[in-house]
Amino acid sequence: MSILAHPEWPLLKRHLRAERYARDTGSRGARVRLEVVRPTDGRELRRLQGIKDPCVTCGAIISKVRERGGKRFKGRLYFSPCCPQDVSLACSRSPKASQEYLAIRAALADDADASTPPPSAQGDLFGRKH
């Protein structure tokens, strides 16, 4: 099941951000990470970290919002639709995982497009309408 159909998707999408991973410039360009902006409300944080759903590849029940390891990223959260890499590297490299990442990025882009008024309504830098 896609996270887009999960009951907690509306909560998750409010905190989800697609960010380019600057350290990775592979043959297909930079990867995009799905970072989770840590909520200040402890209840929302527990709800996010409690999202459990099947891995899109193997079906194992996993936590979709996880905390990054290491000193540099301590406390940062991220989203993954598949098993952690230390459990199964194959899950994260599967076509199903790629499809899920693309679907999520498209849903986030659609929401961003819907919330941006058309250029004629925005006005320019000085507030003048076109």
Foldseek 3Di string as FASTA:
>chain_A
DACCPPPCVVLQLVFWDWAWDVVDQDPVGTHTFTWGHQDPDPVSNCVQQPDWFAQQAPGDIDGQKDQDDDDVRGPTIGGFSHDPVVVPVDSCVDPSRVVSVVVSVVVSVVVVVVVDDPQQVQADPVRHGD
